[in-house]
Amino acid sequence: MQQVATRRRSQPPPARFMFEALIDPYRQPARHWLELLESEIAPEIVRAEEPELVIWSSIWPDRPDAVIRFDIEAVGNGTMLRWTLFLEDPIPSEAEVVRMRKRLNTLINANLKFNFGP
């Protein structure tokens, strides 16, 4: 597996709430944040170590080899969250990697983040 993209950003909730949101994104209907496209599928939890690590299976049916790792770090009252995308060979074109990276960024650093407030 090769790391093809990663982003590290602060998130407003405490680490334990971030962990819960990642392991069960549909847990609270009022806080539904994982809005998948028609071309995407819900991820499965490959591994979870509370409260610092969650690994998802792929959200892209055409790339079932993809793995998304979340490293969760408590920082004050909030969280520093890093997502990392891993893929098997053959690695797609740079344009495809950028598309995947932007999609994860939208899901995690926009939808999930704003779900907890500004």
C-alpha atoms as a PDB file:
ATOM      1  CA  MET A   1       0.000   0.000   0.000  1.00  0.00           C
ATOM      2  CA  GLN A   2       1.195   3.452  -0.861  1.00  0.00           C
ATOM      3  CA  GLN A   3       0.231   6.697   0.807  1.00  0.00           C
ATOM      4  CA  VAL A   4      -1.144   8.949  -1.937  1.00  0.00           C
ATOM      5  CA  ALA A   5      -2.740  11.800   0.036  1.00  0.00           C
ATOM      6  CA  THR A   6      -2.984  13.136   3.567  1.00  0.00           C
ATOM      7  CA  ARG A   7      -4.386  16.185   5.335  1.00  0.00           C
ATOM      8  CA  ARG A   8      -4.157  17.316   8.957  1.00  0.00           C
ATOM      9  CA  ARG A   9      -6.668  19.835  10.287  1.00  0.00           C
ATOM     10  CA  SER A  10      -8.160  20.899  13.603  1.00  0.00           C
ATOM     11  CA  GLN A  11     -11.696  19.839  14.422  1.00  0.00           C
ATOM     12  CA  PRO A  12     -13.926  21.429  17.087  1.00  0.00           C
ATOM     13  CA  PRO A  13     -15.142  18.404  19.108  1.00  0.00           C
ATOM     14  CA  PRO A  14     -13.156  16.517  21.734  1.00  0.00           C
ATOM     15  CA  ALA A  15     -11.293  13.439  20.469  1.00  0.00           C
ATOM     16  CA  ARG A  16     -13.817  10.941  21.866  1.00  0.00           C
ATOM     17  CA  PHE A  17     -16.662  12.570  19.891  1.00  0.00           C
ATOM     18  CA  MET A  18     -14.535  12.598  16.746  1.00  0.00           C
ATOM     19  CA  PHE A  19     -13.820   8.895  17.226  1.00  0.00           C
ATOM     20  CA  GLU A  20     -17.544   8.156  17.656  1.00  0.00           C
ATOM     21  CA  ALA A  21     -18.459  10.206  14.571  1.00  0.00           C
ATOM     22  CA  LEU A  22     -15.953   8.255  12.466  1.00  0.00           C
ATOM     23  CA  ILE A  23     -16.926   4.785  13.663  1.00  0.00           C
ATOM     24  CA  ASP A  24     -20.649   5.445  13.302  1.00  0.00           C
ATOM     25  CA  PRO A  25     -21.351   8.394  10.968  1.00  0.00           C
ATOM     26  CA  TYR A  26     -25.090   7.637  10.959  1.00  0.00           C
ATOM     27  CA  ARG A  27     -25.386   7.340  14.746  1.00  0.00           C
ATOM     28  CA  GLN A  28     -27.201  10.607  15.294  1.00  0.00           C
ATOM     29  CA  PRO A  29     -29.672  11.534  12.561  1.00  0.00           C
ATOM     30  CA  ALA A  30     -29.393  15.163  13.639  1.00  0.00           C
ATOM     31  CA  ARG A  31     -25.645  15.013  12.993  1.00  0.00           C
ATOM     32  CA  HIS A  32     -25.653  13.080   9.730  1.00  0.00           C
ATOM     33  CA  TRP A  33     -22.488  14.177   7.931  1.00  0.00           C
ATOM     34  CA  LEU A  34     -21.418  11.299   5.672  1.00  0.00           C
ATOM     35  CA  GLU A  35     -23.312  12.266   2.544  1.00  0.00           C
ATOM     36  CA  LEU A  36     -22.101   9.876  -0.116  1.00  0.00           C
ATOM     37  CA  LEU A  37     -22.451  10.343  -3.851  1.00  0.00           C
ATOM     38  CA  GLU A  38     -24.283   7.780  -5.997  1.00  0.00           C
ATOM     39  CA  SER A  39     -20.897   6.461  -7.121  1.00  0.00           C
ATOM     40  CA  GLU A  40     -19.753   5.833  -3.526  1.00  0.00           C
ATOM     41  CA  ILE A  41     -20.453   3.213  -0.868  1.00  0.00           C
ATOM     42  CA  ALA A  42     -20.483   3.369   2.918  1.00  0.00           C
ATOM     43  CA  PRO A  43     -17.131   2.406   4.402  1.00  0.00           C
ATOM     44  CA  GLU A  44     -16.636  -0.452   6.816  1.00  0.00           C
ATOM     45  CA  ILE A  45     -14.483  -0.153   9.906  1.00  0.00           C
ATOM     46  CA  VAL A  46     -11.282  -2.097   9.253  1.00  0.00           C
ATOM     47  CA  ARG A  47      -9.704  -1.188  12.590  1.00  0.00           C
ATOM     48  CA  ALA A  48     -10.514   1.075  15.518  1.00  0.00           C
ATOM     49  CA  GLU A  49      -8.469   1.881  18.600  1.00  0.00           C
ATOM     50  CA  GLU A  50     -10.342   4.273  20.843  1.00  0.00           C
ATOM     51  CA  PRO A  51      -9.794   7.184  20.865  1.00  0.00           C
ATOM     52  CA  GLU A  52      -6.818   7.664  18.535  1.00  0.00           C
ATOM     53  CA  LEU A  53      -7.261   5.546  15.392  1.00  0.00           C
ATOM     54  CA  VAL A  54      -9.962   4.605  12.885  1.00  0.00           C
ATOM     55  CA  ILE A  55      -9.339   2.866   9.568  1.00  0.00           C
ATOM     56  CA  TRP A  56     -12.045   2.724   6.918  1.00  0.00           C
ATOM     57  CA  SER A  57     -12.409   0.523   3.890  1.00  0.00           C
ATOM     58  CA  SER A  58     -12.852   2.193   0.530  1.00  0.00           C
ATOM     59  CA  ILE A  59     -15.793   4.447  -0.295  1.00  0.00           C
ATOM     60  CA  TRP A  60     -15.119   3.928  -4.023  1.00  0.00           C
ATOM     61  CA  PRO A  61     -16.421   0.652  -5.519  1.00  0.00           C
ATOM     62  CA  ASP A  62     -14.028   1.047  -8.459  1.00  0.00           C
ATOM     63  CA  ARG A  63     -11.076   1.227  -6.003  1.00  0.00           C
ATOM     64  CA  PRO A  64     -11.869  -1.459  -3.388  1.00  0.00           C
ATOM     65  CA  ASP A  65      -8.177  -1.492  -2.437  1.00  0.00           C
ATOM     66  CA  ALA A  66      -8.368   2.036  -0.987  1.00  0.00           C
ATOM     67  CA  VAL A  67      -7.926   2.415   2.766  1.00  0.00           C
ATOM     68  CA  ILE A  68      -8.544   5.628   4.691  1.00  0.00           C
ATOM     69  CA  ARG A  69      -6.741   6.036   7.993  1.00  0.00           C
ATOM     70  CA  PHE A  70      -7.754   8.602  10.615  1.00  0.00           C
ATOM     71  CA  ASP A  71      -5.294   9.593  13.323  1.00  0.00           C
ATOM     72  CA  ILE A  72      -7.076  11.425  16.146  1.00  0.00           C
ATOM     73  CA  GLU A  73      -5.136  13.593  18.577  1.00  0.00           C
ATOM     74  CA  ALA A  74      -6.683  15.449  21.510  1.00  0.00           C
ATOM     75  CA  VAL A  75      -5.599  19.102  21.523  1.00  0.00           C
ATOM     76  CA  GLY A  76      -7.075  21.192  24.323  1.00  0.00           C
ATOM     77  CA  ASN A  77     -10.866  20.929  24.058  1.00  0.00           C
ATOM     78  CA  GLY A  78     -10.710  19.974  20.379  1.00  0.00           C
ATOM     79  CA  THR A  79      -9.044  17.492  18.075  1.00  0.00           C
ATOM     80  CA  MET A  80      -6.288  17.430  15.500  1.00  0.00           C
ATOM     81  CA  LEU A  81      -7.424  14.972  12.840  1.00  0.00           C
ATOM     82  CA  ARG A  82      -5.253  13.553  10.072  1.00  0.00           C
ATOM     83  CA  TRP A  83      -6.744  11.481   7.287  1.00  0.00           C
ATOM     84  CA  THR A  84      -4.456   9.485   5.007  1.00  0.00           C
ATOM     85  CA  LEU A  85      -5.438   7.708   1.800  1.00  0.00           C
ATOM     86  CA  PHE A  86      -3.593   4.516   0.864  1.00  0.00           C
ATOM     87  CA  LEU A  87      -3.876   2.693  -2.467  1.00  0.00           C
ATOM     88  CA  GLU A  88      -2.440  -0.458  -3.995  1.00  0.00           C
ATOM     89  CA  ASP A  89      -0.709  -0.466  -7.372  1.00  0.00           C
ATOM     90  CA  PRO A  90      -1.536   0.558  -9.959  1.00  0.00           C
ATOM     91  CA  ILE A  91      -1.732   4.072  -8.569  1.00  0.00           C
ATOM     92  CA  PRO A  92      -4.210   6.129 -10.610  1.00  0.00           C
ATOM     93  CA  SER A  93      -3.334   9.274 -12.510  1.00  0.00           C
ATOM     94  CA  GLU A  94      -2.515  12.437 -10.604  1.00  0.00           C
ATOM     95  CA  ALA A  95      -5.881  13.875 -11.659  1.00  0.00           C
ATOM     96  CA  GLU A  96      -7.695  10.874 -10.150  1.00  0.00           C
ATOM     97  CA  VAL A  97      -5.700  11.117  -6.901  1.00  0.00           C
ATOM     98  CA  VAL A  98      -6.580  14.826  -6.718  1.00  0.00           C
ATOM     99  CA  ARG A  99     -10.276  13.973  -7.198  1.00  0.00           C
ATOM    100  CA  MET A 100     -10.145  11.405  -4.390  1.00  0.00           C
ATOM    101  CA  ARG A 101      -8.229  13.786  -2.124  1.00  0.00           C
ATOM    102  CA  LYS A 102     -10.717  16.597  -2.711  1.00  0.00           C
ATOM    103  CA  ARG A 103     -13.625  14.275  -2.012  1.00  0.00           C
ATOM    104  CA  LEU A 104     -12.168  13.158   1.312  1.00  0.00           C
ATOM    105  CA  ASN A 105     -11.360  16.749   2.171  1.00  0.00           C
ATOM    106  CA  THR A 106     -15.003  17.696   1.535  1.00  0.00           C
ATOM    107  CA  LEU A 107     -16.340  14.839   3.645  1.00  0.00           C
ATOM    108  CA  ILE A 108     -13.932  15.276   6.556  1.00  0.00           C
ATOM    109  CA  ASN A 109     -12.723  18.880   6.625  1.00  0.00           C
ATOM    110  CA  ALA A 110     -16.044  20.390   5.570  1.00  0.00           C
ATOM    111  CA  ASN A 111     -19.077  18.138   6.238  1.00  0.00           C
ATOM    112  CA  LEU A 112     -17.799  16.518   9.447  1.00  0.00           C
ATOM    113  CA  LYS A 113     -16.133  19.666  10.768  1.00  0.00           C
ATOM    114  CA  PHE A 114     -19.146  21.919  10.182  1.00  0.00           C
ATOM    115  CA  ASN A 115     -21.431  19.299  11.681  1.00  0.00           C
ATOM    116  CA  PHE A 116     -19.907  20.181  15.058  1.00  0.00           C
ATOM    117  CA  GLY A 117     -20.094  23.945  14.498  1.00  0.00           C
ATOM    118  CA  PRO A 118     -17.898  26.659  12.976  1.00  0.00           C
END
